Structures are given as C-alpha cells and as structure tokens.
Protein backbone atom coordinates (compact mmCIF):
# COMPACT_ATOMS: atom_id res chain seq x y z
CA UNK A 1 -48.21 -14.57 -25.87
CA UNK A 2 -50.90 -17.24 -25.72
CA UNK A 3 -50.09 -20.69 -27.02
CA UNK A 4 -52.41 -23.59 -27.78
CA UNK A 5 -52.55 -26.13 -24.99
CA UNK A 6 -52.39 -29.90 -25.35
CA UNK A 7 -52.58 -32.50 -22.59
CA UNK A 8 -50.02 -35.30 -22.72
CA UNK A 9 -49.74 -38.18 -20.29
CA UNK A 10 -46.53 -39.91 -19.32
CA UNK A 11 -46.66 -43.61 -20.19
CA UNK A 12 -44.59 -46.53 -19.08
CA UNK A 13 -41.34 -47.30 -20.86
CA UNK A 14 -42.01 -48.63 -24.32
CA UNK A 15 -42.48 -52.38 -24.54
CA UNK A 16 -43.30 -54.67 -27.42
CA UNK A 17 -46.87 -54.03 -28.50
CA UNK A 18 -47.28 -51.06 -26.12
CA UNK A 19 -47.78 -48.51 -28.91
CA UNK A 20 -50.43 -50.69 -30.50
CA UNK A 21 -52.37 -50.88 -27.24
CA UNK A 22 -52.19 -47.09 -26.93
CA UNK A 23 -53.72 -46.67 -30.40
CA UNK A 24 -56.43 -49.24 -29.65
CA UNK A 25 -57.35 -47.12 -26.64
CA UNK A 26 -57.90 -44.13 -28.94
CA UNK A 27 -54.65 -42.37 -28.05
CA UNK A 28 -51.47 -41.64 -30.01
CA UNK A 29 -48.00 -42.53 -28.68
CA UNK A 30 -45.19 -40.02 -28.75
CA UNK A 31 -42.00 -38.89 -27.10
CA UNK A 32 -40.96 -35.60 -25.52
CA UNK A 33 -37.30 -34.59 -25.48
CA UNK A 34 -35.04 -31.55 -25.63
CA UNK A 35 -33.58 -28.93 -23.28
CA UNK A 36 -31.31 -31.54 -21.74
CA UNK A 37 -34.21 -33.63 -20.47
CA UNK A 38 -34.30 -37.38 -20.85
CA UNK A 39 -36.77 -38.56 -23.51
CA UNK A 40 -40.18 -39.21 -21.98
CA UNK A 41 -42.73 -41.57 -23.55
CA UNK A 42 -46.15 -39.90 -23.70
CA UNK A 43 -49.66 -40.36 -25.08
CA UNK A 44 -52.12 -37.74 -26.27
CA UNK A 45 -55.44 -37.25 -28.03
CA UNK A 46 -55.00 -36.92 -31.79
CA UNK A 47 -57.93 -34.54 -32.34
CA UNK A 48 -56.76 -32.24 -29.55
CA UNK A 49 -53.32 -31.92 -31.10
CA UNK A 50 -54.51 -31.50 -34.70
CA UNK A 51 -57.00 -28.77 -33.80
CA UNK A 52 -54.33 -26.97 -31.76
CA UNK A 53 -51.92 -26.64 -34.67
CA UNK A 54 -51.98 -23.35 -36.56
CA UNK A 55 -53.34 -23.99 -40.07
CA UNK A 56 -50.44 -22.11 -41.66
CA UNK A 57 -47.56 -22.82 -39.29
CA UNK A 58 -48.48 -26.47 -38.85
CA UNK A 59 -45.47 -28.16 -37.23
CA UNK A 60 -43.93 -24.80 -36.41
CA UNK A 61 -46.78 -24.05 -34.00
CA UNK A 62 -45.57 -23.40 -30.46
CA UNK A 63 -47.56 -25.46 -27.95
CA UNK A 64 -47.99 -25.51 -24.20
CA UNK A 65 -47.96 -29.16 -23.22
CA UNK A 66 -49.49 -30.06 -19.88
CA UNK A 67 -47.37 -33.05 -18.93
CA UNK A 68 -49.34 -35.22 -16.51
CA UNK A 69 -47.76 -37.96 -14.45
CA UNK A 70 -49.26 -39.75 -11.44
CA UNK A 71 -51.48 -36.88 -10.42
CA UNK A 72 -48.80 -34.25 -10.93
CA UNK A 73 -48.61 -31.87 -13.88
CA UNK A 74 -45.98 -29.67 -15.49
CA UNK A 75 -46.22 -27.18 -18.34
CA UNK A 76 -43.66 -27.58 -21.11
CA UNK A 77 -43.27 -25.29 -24.12
CA UNK A 78 -42.75 -27.51 -27.13
CA UNK A 79 -43.11 -27.93 -30.88
CA UNK A 80 -43.79 -30.90 -33.13
CA UNK A 81 -40.39 -32.02 -34.37
CA UNK A 82 -41.52 -35.06 -36.35
CA UNK A 83 -44.77 -36.87 -37.09
CA UNK A 84 -45.40 -40.29 -38.59
CA UNK A 85 -48.66 -40.61 -40.55
CA UNK A 86 -50.38 -43.76 -41.78
CA UNK A 87 -50.29 -43.50 -45.61
CA UNK A 88 -53.73 -45.09 -45.97
CA UNK A 89 -55.80 -43.68 -43.13
CA UNK A 90 -53.81 -40.41 -42.88
CA UNK A 91 -54.01 -40.76 -39.10
CA UNK A 92 -51.16 -39.94 -36.75
CA UNK A 93 -49.05 -42.95 -35.80
CA UNK A 94 -46.37 -41.32 -33.65
CA UNK A 95 -45.22 -37.79 -32.79
CA UNK A 96 -41.93 -36.40 -31.49
CA UNK A 97 -42.28 -33.26 -29.37
CA UNK A 98 -39.27 -30.98 -28.91
CA UNK A 99 -39.15 -28.93 -25.71
CA UNK A 100 -38.04 -25.38 -26.57
CA UNK A 101 -36.93 -22.21 -24.80
CA UNK A 102 -38.79 -19.08 -25.90
CA UNK A 103 -35.56 -17.10 -25.55
CA UNK A 104 -33.42 -19.45 -27.63
CA UNK A 105 -33.30 -20.05 -31.38
CA UNK A 106 -34.69 -23.16 -32.97
CA UNK A 107 -34.06 -24.32 -36.52
CA UNK A 108 -37.07 -25.03 -38.71
CA UNK A 109 -38.07 -24.86 -42.37
CA UNK A 110 -40.72 -22.50 -43.75
CA UNK A 111 -42.42 -22.34 -47.17
CA UNK A 112 -41.01 -19.97 -49.82
CA UNK A 113 -43.60 -18.16 -51.95
CA UNK A 114 -42.64 -16.31 -55.13
CA UNK A 115 -44.88 -13.36 -55.96
CA UNK A 116 -45.16 -11.18 -59.05
CA UNK A 117 -44.46 -12.02 -62.70
CA UNK A 118 -40.81 -11.86 -63.72
CA UNK A 119 -40.07 -9.58 -66.67
CA UNK A 120 -37.89 -12.36 -68.03
CA UNK A 121 -40.93 -14.62 -68.30
CA UNK A 122 -42.69 -11.94 -70.35
CA UNK A 123 -39.60 -11.92 -72.58
CA UNK A 124 -39.87 -15.67 -73.15
CA UNK A 125 -37.80 -17.08 -70.31
CA UNK A 126 -38.77 -19.68 -67.71
CA UNK A 127 -38.91 -19.02 -63.97
CA UNK A 128 -37.10 -21.71 -61.99
CA UNK A 129 -37.63 -22.01 -58.23
CA UNK A 130 -34.65 -23.77 -56.67
CA UNK A 131 -36.16 -24.04 -53.17
CA UNK A 132 -39.70 -24.46 -51.91
CA UNK A 133 -38.78 -24.78 -48.23
CA UNK A 134 -36.14 -22.56 -46.63
CA UNK A 135 -34.24 -23.44 -43.43
CA UNK A 136 -34.22 -20.62 -40.89
CA UNK A 137 -33.27 -20.01 -37.27
CA UNK A 138 -35.45 -17.93 -34.98
CA UNK A 139 -36.92 -17.77 -31.51
CA UNK A 140 -40.11 -19.86 -31.39
CA UNK A 141 -42.49 -16.89 -31.19
CA UNK A 142 -40.77 -15.15 -34.15
CA UNK A 143 -41.06 -18.01 -36.63
CA UNK A 144 -42.88 -16.71 -39.75
CA UNK A 145 -45.62 -18.72 -41.42
CA UNK A 146 -43.90 -18.28 -44.80
CA UNK A 147 -41.33 -16.23 -46.68
CA UNK A 148 -42.38 -14.14 -49.68
CA UNK A 149 -40.06 -12.76 -52.33
CA UNK A 150 -40.97 -10.56 -55.31
CA UNK A 151 -39.51 -11.81 -58.60
CA UNK A 152 -40.98 -9.07 -60.84
CA UNK A 153 -37.58 -7.48 -61.61
CA UNK A 154 -35.91 -10.72 -62.71
CA UNK A 155 -34.93 -10.78 -66.38
CA UNK A 156 -33.50 -13.69 -68.32
CA UNK A 157 -30.20 -14.66 -66.71
CA UNK A 158 -31.02 -12.99 -63.37
CA UNK A 159 -31.28 -14.82 -60.04
CA UNK A 160 -32.34 -14.21 -56.46
CA UNK A 161 -30.08 -15.44 -53.69
CA UNK A 162 -30.49 -16.21 -50.02
CA UNK A 163 -29.05 -12.79 -49.21
CA UNK A 164 -32.01 -11.18 -51.06
CA UNK A 165 -34.59 -12.57 -48.64
CA UNK A 166 -36.18 -9.98 -46.40
CA UNK A 167 -36.55 -11.52 -42.96
CA UNK A 168 -38.23 -10.25 -39.85
CA UNK A 169 -36.35 -9.20 -36.75
CA UNK A 170 -34.70 -12.10 -35.00
CA UNK A 171 -35.00 -14.38 -38.03
CA UNK A 172 -32.01 -15.54 -40.08
CA UNK A 173 -31.72 -17.89 -43.00
CA UNK A 174 -29.49 -20.94 -42.52
CA UNK A 175 -28.02 -20.91 -46.02
CA UNK A 176 -24.96 -19.59 -47.79
CA UNK A 177 -25.66 -15.97 -48.84
CA UNK A 178 -24.90 -16.86 -52.48
CA UNK A 179 -27.32 -19.80 -52.57
CA UNK A 180 -29.74 -19.30 -55.49
CA UNK A 181 -33.40 -19.60 -54.57
CA UNK A 182 -34.98 -18.55 -57.89
CA UNK A 183 -33.82 -17.63 -61.38
CA UNK A 184 -35.09 -16.91 -64.88
CA UNK A 185 -33.49 -19.05 -67.55
CA UNK A 186 -33.64 -18.86 -71.33
CA UNK A 187 -35.92 -21.42 -73.03
CA UNK A 188 -34.12 -24.49 -74.27
CA UNK A 189 -33.29 -24.28 -77.99
CA UNK A 190 -35.32 -26.70 -80.06
CA UNK A 191 -33.31 -29.53 -81.50
CA UNK A 192 -33.69 -29.51 -85.26
CA UNK A 193 -32.61 -32.73 -87.00
CA UNK A 194 -31.09 -32.37 -90.42
CA UNK A 195 -32.85 -34.64 -92.86
CA UNK A 196 -30.88 -35.44 -96.04
CA UNK A 197 -32.97 -34.73 -99.16
CA UNK A 198 -33.57 -37.92 -101.14
CA UNK A 199 -32.90 -37.67 -104.93
CA UNK A 200 -36.09 -37.07 -106.88
CA UNK A 201 -36.70 -39.40 -109.82
CA UNK A 202 -36.50 -37.50 -113.10
CA UNK A 203 -34.86 -34.48 -111.57
CA UNK A 204 -32.55 -32.51 -113.87
CA UNK A 205 -28.95 -32.56 -112.49
CA UNK A 206 -27.31 -29.27 -111.75
CA UNK A 207 -25.19 -27.67 -114.46
CA UNK A 208 -21.79 -29.32 -114.56
CA UNK A 209 -22.91 -32.31 -112.49
CA UNK A 210 -22.48 -35.83 -113.88
CA UNK A 211 -25.76 -37.50 -114.83
CA UNK A 212 -26.67 -40.57 -112.82
CA UNK A 213 -26.59 -43.81 -114.82
CA UNK A 214 -30.01 -45.16 -115.77
CA UNK A 215 -31.19 -48.49 -114.44
CA UNK A 216 -29.77 -51.40 -116.39
CA UNK A 217 -26.81 -49.37 -117.65
CA UNK A 218 -26.51 -46.13 -119.59
CA UNK A 219 -27.02 -46.01 -123.37
CA UNK A 220 -23.76 -45.44 -125.30
CA UNK A 221 -23.03 -41.93 -126.45
CA UNK A 222 -23.74 -41.08 -130.12
CA UNK A 223 -20.05 -40.67 -130.90
CA UNK A 224 -19.24 -44.07 -129.46
CA UNK A 225 -21.39 -45.90 -132.04
CA UNK A 226 -19.56 -44.41 -135.10
CA UNK A 227 -16.47 -46.64 -134.98
CA UNK A 228 -18.58 -49.77 -135.02
CA UNK A 229 -20.39 -48.62 -138.14
CA UNK A 230 -17.08 -47.89 -139.84
CA UNK A 231 -15.83 -51.44 -139.20
CA UNK A 232 -18.89 -52.98 -140.93
CA UNK A 233 -18.21 -50.92 -144.10
CA UNK A 234 -14.59 -52.16 -144.24
CA UNK A 235 -15.77 -55.82 -144.16
CA UNK A 236 -18.09 -55.22 -147.13
CA UNK A 237 -15.12 -54.03 -149.25
C-alpha cells in the first residue's frame, strides 16, 4: 500500500527559543517517538504535511516519514499523534509523530455517523447520540475513516450499544459491549403550573357555601332587627 511521504529533518536538542527560531525559518517543530525509539526532535514543512493528510482520516493518516540527519536518511512509518494549533492563525505550532508497525494495532478515535430516521422520532421521541467519536484498535492500514450505524429501527426506549457496531475485519471497538452509543428517548413532559383561581367580585357563592362578608361589615339579618324594635315599643308604654 502506498502512503503519503513527508520529509522531516532531525534538529538539535531543544533549547530555549529554539522552536521560535524554527518557526521564523518557515518550518514547524515536532517530535518523533514510538516503537521503543528515543524521542527525536524534528522539523518539517507545514504545507507538505497538511497536503499529505487524507481529508477524511486526518490524523489517522498513515505517513512515510523520510527522516534526514547529517546527510543520511531513514524511512519511518508514522501517524500524527497530537497537533498544537495557534487559535488565531490556525497554523501548526507543534506536532507529535508516533512511529507505528503496520502489523501491530494502534488505538485511535474515529467519527460515528448515525444514518436513517428512527421510528421513535416519527412517534414523537428524541434521538440522543451519546458518542460522536469512538475509540477503536486496528492495524494502521485497516483504520476506517468513520463508523456508520443505522438507527431506523429504534423506537422510543430503544438503544444501540457498542456491541451493535459493525466493524471491518481487524477492527475492534475499545468500549464495554453494553456502552450505549445512541438511543431514542421520550419527550420531556411539559411542566404545567397550577394557578389558583382568584375570587371574582360579584360572583354568586356555591349552594351551601357561606357568603363572604361585604366590605365594611355585613348588614344585620332581617330577623336580628326585630328585637330592637320590640324594645322601643315597651319604652313607649
């Protein structure tokens, strides 16, 4: 299999300000390690590396590094393990290269893409994706660009687990088999606040209910006024 080639030059042991000088010279500093080799400080051309990376695999692209040192060169199969990017210019600041063996597994993460429309969504549920990147182990040449999983059969309350992923030969997921990667959940019930009904002025009380006293005190009942009238008649006699 053909791999993209990138030239890297061995540089002197890192000193204060060395990385800055490398960048001023139009190069990017980095380090190469792995496969029981001592870390080696290197420099490389940013454009050459960026154009060599597969547009879908990105950091999972397998590269053939031509390691040049004092007129001698050596080919090293490697991958980008880590990259530091300037948040303003979006230019590479530093890159870690990991030397790999084509016959040995490496652990990487790949994007997870959900395809299809879950039946549970049609029934009013919400599709929840628990993971967007999935950790896998595979030989460098077998690393997939992405993992796809069909969620069409998921109904409300159903879930897909790591064990449901269909992987290519030589690829295994580095997760517990029961780990949920997607599920369809019921919509959250709306919270309805109970508002107490305020009494309406002039409203007729329900049958058997006591009438509310009027403002300023209630007028005396008709029967209550009779005794007072009787007392006045006695005084006249």
